[in-house]
Amino acid sequence: MQVVKEEIREKILETAKREFLEKGFQRTSMKKIAEGAGIKAPTIYCYFRNKEELFQKLVETVTTYFEGRRDRMEKADPLELAKSWGFEQRKKEYKQHMQFIGEHREEFQLLFSCAGGSSLENYFDRLVEQYEELMKKILNILKQAKVMETPVTDFFVHNMAAFYVTTLREASIQEITKEELDRFAEEWALFRSEGWKKLTCKQENNNGRNSK
């Protein structure tokens, strides 16, 4: 009996994903999902309390991913974190991002393109705010430790946070191959590492040369 229930639950999730991707959260009905899953409309509520819970379950892998990254950044030592801003470390990190996106493209699309009307409708903006606050905290500590010399405006930090989240969103919704995602990760890492190096490192440490 348990096996049958799990099969029905998976069928509901599979049908719901298809419906949400095609119509978006707001225009999708639980009745239609139930029909597609081959069950009676009231039965679907034995598995999910409402459409909101069902949608959140479908994107849970991605929201958990972002929550995990935020928690790690909050707990990290900013001085140690700054050391990881070089090209090789960033390339490794961004390749992991792109691989994860490649494996969960539909879940990303649901979250960033189909969530209108749900509690996750403004998830993109919330992510930008979270990363912005984290970046300000990290940069402030670097400034106090005299690791960072060049002042950075709040507007710059905001745009970097928005750029970061936008990059993840665009990588998920654009029709590009895994090979292209992998190549992009290297391009992104080079662009970000050299720029941050100039902003956060003392000039005499940049590329081992004294500034002139």
Protein backbone atom coordinates (compact mmCIF):
# COMPACT_ATOMS: atom_id res chain seq x y z
CA MET A 1 0.00 0.00 0.00
CA GLN A 2 2.86 2.37 0.88
CA VAL A 3 4.44 1.72 -2.50
CA VAL A 4 1.20 2.67 -4.24
CA LYS A 5 0.98 5.90 -2.21
CA GLU A 6 4.55 6.83 -3.16
CA GLU A 7 3.78 6.16 -6.81
CA ILE A 8 0.73 8.44 -6.64
CA ARG A 9 2.73 11.13 -4.85
CA GLU A 10 5.44 11.04 -7.52
CA LYS A 11 2.79 11.17 -10.24
CA ILE A 12 1.29 14.25 -8.61
CA LEU A 13 4.69 15.93 -8.45
CA GLU A 14 5.48 15.04 -12.05
CA THR A 15 2.14 16.37 -13.28
CA ALA A 16 2.37 19.49 -11.14
CA LYS A 17 5.81 20.34 -12.46
CA ARG A 18 4.54 20.11 -16.02
CA GLU A 19 1.49 22.24 -15.25
CA PHE A 20 3.45 24.90 -13.35
CA LEU A 21 6.09 25.17 -16.07
CA GLU A 22 3.43 25.55 -18.73
CA LYS A 23 0.97 27.84 -16.93
CA GLY A 24 2.75 29.29 -13.92
CA PHE A 25 1.67 28.98 -10.30
CA GLN A 26 -1.30 31.34 -10.45
CA ARG A 27 -3.06 29.76 -13.45
CA THR A 28 -2.49 26.16 -12.40
CA SER A 29 -5.33 24.37 -10.59
CA MET A 30 -5.13 21.49 -8.16
CA LYS A 31 -8.07 19.92 -9.97
CA LYS A 32 -6.12 19.84 -13.23
CA ILE A 33 -3.08 18.37 -11.49
CA ALA A 34 -5.26 15.66 -9.94
CA GLU A 35 -6.75 14.81 -13.32
CA GLY A 36 -3.31 14.57 -14.88
CA ALA A 37 -2.14 12.31 -12.06
CA GLY A 38 -5.14 10.02 -12.61
CA ILE A 39 -6.77 10.62 -9.22
CA LYS A 40 -9.95 12.30 -8.00
CA ALA A 41 -9.64 15.97 -7.09
CA PRO A 42 -10.20 15.56 -3.30
CA THR A 43 -7.54 12.82 -3.14
CA ILE A 44 -4.71 15.20 -3.97
CA TYR A 45 -5.22 16.92 -0.61
CA CYS A 46 -4.31 13.68 1.15
CA TYR A 47 -0.80 14.23 -0.20
CA PHE A 48 -0.44 18.03 -0.25
CA ARG A 49 -2.45 20.49 1.83
CA ASN A 50 -2.64 23.06 -0.94
CA LYS A 51 -1.07 24.31 -4.15
CA GLU A 52 1.48 26.37 -2.21
CA GLU A 53 2.86 23.34 -0.39
CA LEU A 54 3.03 21.40 -3.65
CA PHE A 55 4.94 24.18 -5.41
CA GLN A 56 7.36 24.60 -2.52
CA LYS A 57 8.09 20.87 -2.59
CA LEU A 58 8.97 21.06 -6.28
CA VAL A 59 11.50 23.85 -5.76
CA GLU A 60 12.79 22.63 -2.40
CA THR A 61 16.06 21.37 -3.88
CA VAL A 62 16.91 24.85 -5.13
CA THR A 63 15.76 26.82 -2.08
CA THR A 64 17.72 24.43 0.16
CA TYR A 65 20.76 24.98 -2.05
CA PHE A 66 20.58 28.75 -1.61
CA GLU A 67 19.93 28.46 2.12
CA GLY A 68 22.97 26.22 2.49
CA ARG A 69 25.20 28.67 0.64
CA ARG A 70 23.92 31.58 2.73
CA ASP A 71 24.55 29.68 5.97
CA ARG A 72 28.09 28.75 4.94
CA MET A 73 28.89 32.36 4.02
CA GLU A 74 27.48 33.64 7.31
CA LYS A 75 29.62 31.20 9.30
CA ALA A 76 32.78 31.64 7.24
CA ASP A 77 35.77 33.66 8.40
CA PRO A 78 35.75 36.70 6.07
CA LEU A 79 39.56 36.85 6.03
CA GLU A 80 39.73 33.22 4.95
CA LEU A 81 36.88 33.77 2.53
CA ALA A 82 38.78 36.61 0.85
CA LYS A 83 41.64 34.24 0.16
CA SER A 84 39.28 32.13 -1.95
CA TRP A 85 38.56 35.00 -4.33
CA GLY A 86 41.33 33.92 -6.69
CA PHE A 87 40.64 32.52 -10.14
CA GLU A 88 41.11 28.81 -9.44
CA GLN A 89 38.90 28.76 -6.37
CA ARG A 90 36.19 30.80 -8.07
CA LYS A 91 36.35 28.61 -11.16
CA LYS A 92 35.78 25.52 -8.99
CA GLU A 93 32.88 27.20 -7.19
CA TYR A 94 31.21 28.49 -10.35
CA LYS A 95 31.57 25.19 -12.15
CA GLN A 96 29.74 23.59 -9.22
CA HIS A 97 27.03 26.24 -9.60
CA MET A 98 26.63 25.51 -13.30
CA GLN A 99 26.61 21.76 -12.76
CA PHE A 100 23.88 22.09 -10.14
CA ILE A 101 21.85 24.33 -12.43
CA GLY A 102 22.28 21.86 -15.28
CA GLU A 103 20.94 19.07 -13.07
CA HIS A 104 17.98 21.10 -11.76
CA ARG A 105 17.15 23.44 -14.61
CA GLU A 106 13.38 22.94 -14.39
CA GLU A 107 13.32 23.60 -10.64
CA PHE A 108 15.23 26.86 -11.21
CA GLN A 109 12.80 27.83 -13.95
CA LEU A 110 9.85 27.17 -11.65
CA LEU A 111 11.36 29.34 -8.93
CA PHE A 112 12.50 32.24 -11.10
CA SER A 113 9.90 32.25 -13.88
CA CYS A 114 6.73 30.55 -12.66
CA ALA A 115 6.28 31.58 -9.01
CA GLY A 116 3.97 34.58 -9.57
CA GLY A 117 1.12 34.46 -7.05
CA SER A 118 2.95 32.16 -4.62
CA SER A 119 4.83 32.97 -1.43
CA LEU A 120 8.04 32.64 -3.48
CA GLU A 121 7.02 35.28 -5.99
CA ASN A 122 9.69 37.70 -4.78
CA TYR A 123 12.35 35.08 -4.10
CA PHE A 124 14.79 36.71 -6.55
CA ASP A 125 14.61 40.06 -4.75
CA ARG A 126 14.98 38.37 -1.38
CA LEU A 127 18.10 36.59 -2.55
CA VAL A 128 19.61 39.85 -3.76
CA GLU A 129 18.92 41.46 -0.36
CA GLN A 130 20.47 38.53 1.50
CA TYR A 131 23.63 38.50 -0.60
CA GLU A 132 23.88 42.28 -0.39
CA GLU A 133 23.82 42.20 3.41
CA LEU A 134 26.36 39.37 3.51
CA MET A 135 28.70 41.19 1.14
CA LYS A 136 28.49 44.39 3.19
CA LYS A 137 29.31 42.46 6.34
CA ILE A 138 32.29 40.72 4.75
CA LEU A 139 33.67 43.87 3.11
CA ASN A 140 33.35 45.82 6.36
CA ILE A 141 35.43 43.23 8.20
CA LEU A 142 38.04 43.28 5.43
CA LYS A 143 38.17 47.07 5.68
CA GLN A 144 38.62 46.97 9.46
CA ALA A 145 41.39 44.38 9.07
CA LYS A 146 43.06 46.72 6.52
CA VAL A 147 42.94 43.96 3.91
CA MET A 148 40.82 46.19 1.71
CA GLU A 149 42.01 49.68 0.87
CA THR A 150 39.66 50.96 -1.83
CA PRO A 151 36.27 52.24 -0.58
CA VAL A 152 33.28 50.50 -2.15
CA THR A 153 29.88 52.19 -2.37
CA ASP A 154 26.67 50.57 -1.18
CA PHE A 155 25.32 50.95 -4.71
CA PHE A 156 28.23 48.90 -6.06
CA VAL A 157 27.61 46.16 -3.48
CA HIS A 158 23.91 46.09 -4.38
CA ASN A 159 24.69 45.73 -8.07
CA MET A 160 27.22 42.97 -7.47
CA ALA A 161 24.64 41.03 -5.42
CA ALA A 162 22.03 41.55 -8.15
CA PHE A 163 24.54 40.54 -10.82
CA TYR A 164 25.38 37.35 -8.93
CA VAL A 165 21.74 36.24 -8.55
CA THR A 166 20.85 37.34 -12.09
CA THR A 167 23.70 35.24 -13.44
CA LEU A 168 22.32 32.12 -11.75
CA ARG A 169 18.82 32.89 -12.99
CA GLU A 170 19.92 33.49 -16.58
CA ALA A 171 22.02 30.33 -16.61
CA SER A 172 18.90 28.36 -15.68
CA ILE A 173 16.40 29.90 -18.11
CA GLN A 174 18.56 30.26 -21.22
CA GLU A 175 18.73 27.33 -23.63
CA ILE A 176 22.43 26.59 -23.44
CA THR A 177 24.31 23.30 -23.20
CA LYS A 178 26.20 21.92 -20.22
CA GLU A 179 29.42 22.55 -22.14
CA GLU A 180 28.46 26.21 -22.56
CA LEU A 181 27.63 26.45 -18.85
CA ASP A 182 31.01 24.98 -17.99
CA ARG A 183 32.79 27.43 -20.28
CA PHE A 184 30.81 30.31 -18.83
CA ALA A 185 31.91 29.31 -15.32
CA GLU A 186 35.54 29.90 -16.33
CA GLU A 187 34.74 33.25 -17.96
CA TRP A 188 32.75 34.35 -14.91
CA ALA A 189 35.52 33.28 -12.52
CA LEU A 190 38.18 35.21 -14.43
CA PHE A 191 36.04 38.33 -14.61
CA ARG A 192 35.11 38.25 -10.92
CA SER A 193 38.49 37.25 -9.49
CA GLU A 194 40.53 39.92 -11.24
CA GLY A 195 38.02 42.65 -10.44
CA TRP A 196 37.75 41.77 -6.76
CA LYS A 197 41.52 41.42 -6.51
CA LYS A 198 41.97 45.00 -7.63
CA LEU A 199 39.30 46.22 -5.24
CA THR A 200 40.20 44.28 -2.11
CA CYS A 201 43.96 43.68 -2.19
CA LYS A 202 46.63 46.13 -1.23
CA GLN A 203 48.23 47.45 -4.36
CA GLU A 204 51.69 46.12 -3.58
CA ASN A 205 50.24 42.60 -3.44
CA ASN A 206 48.49 42.73 -6.80
CA ASN A 207 50.31 40.29 -9.09
CA GLY A 208 53.40 40.59 -6.90
CA ARG A 209 54.17 44.10 -8.21
CA ASN A 210 54.34 47.45 -6.50
CA SER A 211 51.89 50.06 -7.69
CA LYS A 212 53.29 53.00 -9.58
